[in-house]
Amino acid sequence: MEQFYVNFKQLNDEQKRNKLDQILMFLRQQNALNEAEAFQDLKSCYPREFPLHPNERQFREHLAWTNLAQFQKHPAVNHIFTQG
């Protein structure tokens, strides 16, 4: 999960949204709906319009990453994290 986190943080907001769209599609195909919801929470930290205040964004990101950590043993999520 750490390598995924490091790589993800290096992306700009548009790249983050695109990567999360791909992840969400993959998880929904795997019928991993709760796991997809956790990634959706992360995606909501990067709205296209009306960006969040930096403090609000940081808080939401922290909550989203904490939530994602719960699912890191799920096979599909583990696959995503190991891909970096």
C-alpha atoms as a PDB file:
ATOM      1  CA  MET A   1       0.000   0.000   0.000  1.00  0.00           C
ATOM      2  CA  GLU A   2       2.893   2.343   0.724  1.00  0.00           C
ATOM      3  CA  GLN A   3       4.248   2.275  -2.825  1.00  0.00           C
ATOM      4  CA  PHE A   4       0.771   2.869  -4.232  1.00  0.00           C
ATOM      5  CA  TYR A   5       0.373   5.835  -1.857  1.00  0.00           C
ATOM      6  CA  VAL A   6       3.735   7.336  -2.857  1.00  0.00           C
ATOM      7  CA  ASN A   7       3.014   6.939  -6.572  1.00  0.00           C
ATOM      8  CA  PHE A   8      -0.526   8.283  -6.191  1.00  0.00           C
ATOM      9  CA  LYS A   9       0.604  11.414  -4.340  1.00  0.00           C
ATOM     10  CA  GLN A  10       2.955  12.280  -7.230  1.00  0.00           C
ATOM     11  CA  LEU A  11       0.071  12.507  -9.717  1.00  0.00           C
ATOM     12  CA  ASN A  12      -1.744  15.740 -10.480  1.00  0.00           C
ATOM     13  CA  ASP A  13      -5.470  15.943  -9.713  1.00  0.00           C
ATOM     14  CA  GLU A  14      -6.573  15.011 -13.243  1.00  0.00           C
ATOM     15  CA  GLN A  15      -4.300  11.960 -13.266  1.00  0.00           C
ATOM     16  CA  LYS A  16      -5.601  10.975  -9.820  1.00  0.00           C
ATOM     17  CA  ARG A  17      -9.204  11.139 -11.038  1.00  0.00           C
ATOM     18  CA  ASN A  18      -8.380   9.076 -14.128  1.00  0.00           C
ATOM     19  CA  LYS A  19      -6.520   6.447 -12.102  1.00  0.00           C
ATOM     20  CA  LEU A  20      -9.371   6.241  -9.600  1.00  0.00           C
ATOM     21  CA  ASP A  21     -11.901   5.878 -12.444  1.00  0.00           C
ATOM     22  CA  GLN A  22      -9.938   2.870 -13.721  1.00  0.00           C
ATOM     23  CA  ILE A  23      -9.737   1.394 -10.229  1.00  0.00           C
ATOM     24  CA  LEU A  24     -13.457   1.898  -9.638  1.00  0.00           C
ATOM     25  CA  MET A  25     -14.315   0.192 -12.922  1.00  0.00           C
ATOM     26  CA  PHE A  26     -12.042  -2.745 -12.056  1.00  0.00           C
ATOM     27  CA  LEU A  27     -13.495  -3.156  -8.555  1.00  0.00           C
ATOM     28  CA  ARG A  28     -17.077  -2.982  -9.803  1.00  0.00           C
ATOM     29  CA  GLN A  29     -16.288  -5.648 -12.389  1.00  0.00           C
ATOM     30  CA  GLN A  30     -14.960  -7.778  -9.523  1.00  0.00           C
ATOM     31  CA  ASN A  31     -18.185  -7.110  -7.591  1.00  0.00           C
ATOM     32  CA  ALA A  32     -16.142  -5.482  -4.812  1.00  0.00           C
ATOM     33  CA  LEU A  33     -18.677  -2.769  -4.104  1.00  0.00           C
ATOM     34  CA  ASN A  34     -17.627  -1.822  -0.561  1.00  0.00           C
ATOM     35  CA  GLU A  35     -14.053  -1.572  -1.696  1.00  0.00           C
ATOM     36  CA  ALA A  36     -15.090   0.570  -4.669  1.00  0.00           C
ATOM     37  CA  GLU A  37     -16.959   2.864  -2.292  1.00  0.00           C
ATOM     38  CA  ALA A  38     -13.757   3.384  -0.307  1.00  0.00           C
ATOM     39  CA  PHE A  39     -11.934   4.443  -3.483  1.00  0.00           C
ATOM     40  CA  GLN A  40     -14.903   6.650  -4.396  1.00  0.00           C
ATOM     41  CA  ASP A  41     -14.386   8.459  -1.083  1.00  0.00           C
ATOM     42  CA  LEU A  42     -10.805   9.147  -2.129  1.00  0.00           C
ATOM     43  CA  LYS A  43     -11.928  10.357  -5.546  1.00  0.00           C
ATOM     44  CA  SER A  44     -14.303  12.835  -3.914  1.00  0.00           C
ATOM     45  CA  CYS A  45     -11.244  14.616  -2.514  1.00  0.00           C
ATOM     46  CA  TYR A  46     -10.404  15.786  -6.051  1.00  0.00           C
ATOM     47  CA  PRO A  47     -13.507  17.484  -7.505  1.00  0.00           C
ATOM     48  CA  ARG A  48     -13.250  18.865 -11.032  1.00  0.00           C
ATOM     49  CA  GLU A  49     -15.000  22.099 -10.126  1.00  0.00           C
ATOM     50  CA  PHE A  50     -14.894  24.091  -6.910  1.00  0.00           C
ATOM     51  CA  PRO A  51     -11.746  22.641  -5.327  1.00  0.00           C
ATOM     52  CA  LEU A  52     -11.811  21.925  -1.624  1.00  0.00           C
ATOM     53  CA  HIS A  53     -10.066  24.167   0.889  1.00  0.00           C
ATOM     54  CA  PRO A  54      -6.589  22.662   1.513  1.00  0.00           C
ATOM     55  CA  ASN A  55      -7.400  21.808   5.139  1.00  0.00           C
ATOM     56  CA  GLU A  56     -10.697  20.165   4.168  1.00  0.00           C
ATOM     57  CA  ARG A  57      -8.985  18.219   1.408  1.00  0.00           C
ATOM     58  CA  GLN A  58      -6.238  17.017   3.726  1.00  0.00           C
ATOM     59  CA  PHE A  59      -8.796  15.892   6.301  1.00  0.00           C
ATOM     60  CA  ARG A  60     -10.895  14.031   3.713  1.00  0.00           C
ATOM     61  CA  GLU A  61      -7.797  12.400   2.223  1.00  0.00           C
ATOM     62  CA  HIS A  62      -6.758  11.181   5.658  1.00  0.00           C
ATOM     63  CA  LEU A  63     -10.197   9.652   6.255  1.00  0.00           C
ATOM     64  CA  ALA A  64     -10.251   8.051   2.798  1.00  0.00           C
ATOM     65  CA  TRP A  65      -6.781   6.492   3.168  1.00  0.00           C
ATOM     66  CA  THR A  66      -7.671   5.218   6.629  1.00  0.00           C
ATOM     67  CA  ASN A  67     -10.795   3.631   5.183  1.00  0.00           C
ATOM     68  CA  LEU A  68      -8.829   2.089   2.309  1.00  0.00           C
ATOM     69  CA  ALA A  69      -6.389   0.499   4.741  1.00  0.00           C
ATOM     70  CA  GLN A  70      -9.249  -1.667   6.023  1.00  0.00           C
ATOM     71  CA  PHE A  71      -9.553  -3.327   2.619  1.00  0.00           C
ATOM     72  CA  GLN A  72      -5.900  -3.930   1.796  1.00  0.00           C
ATOM     73  CA  LYS A  73      -6.241  -7.693   2.380  1.00  0.00           C
ATOM     74  CA  HIS A  74      -9.098  -7.993  -0.127  1.00  0.00           C
ATOM     75  CA  PRO A  75      -7.657  -9.783  -3.190  1.00  0.00           C
ATOM     76  CA  ALA A  76      -8.715  -7.130  -5.726  1.00  0.00           C
ATOM     77  CA  VAL A  77      -7.516  -4.238  -3.565  1.00  0.00           C
ATOM     78  CA  ASN A  78      -4.280  -6.037  -2.793  1.00  0.00           C
ATOM     79  CA  HIS A  79      -3.767  -6.471  -6.542  1.00  0.00           C
ATOM     80  CA  ILE A  80      -4.239  -2.716  -7.044  1.00  0.00           C
ATOM     81  CA  PHE A  81      -1.834  -1.847  -4.249  1.00  0.00           C
ATOM     82  CA  THR A  82       0.856  -4.251  -5.471  1.00  0.00           C
ATOM     83  CA  GLN A  83       0.642  -2.781  -8.985  1.00  0.00           C
ATOM     84  CA  GLY A  84       1.666   0.569  -7.510  1.00  0.00           C
END
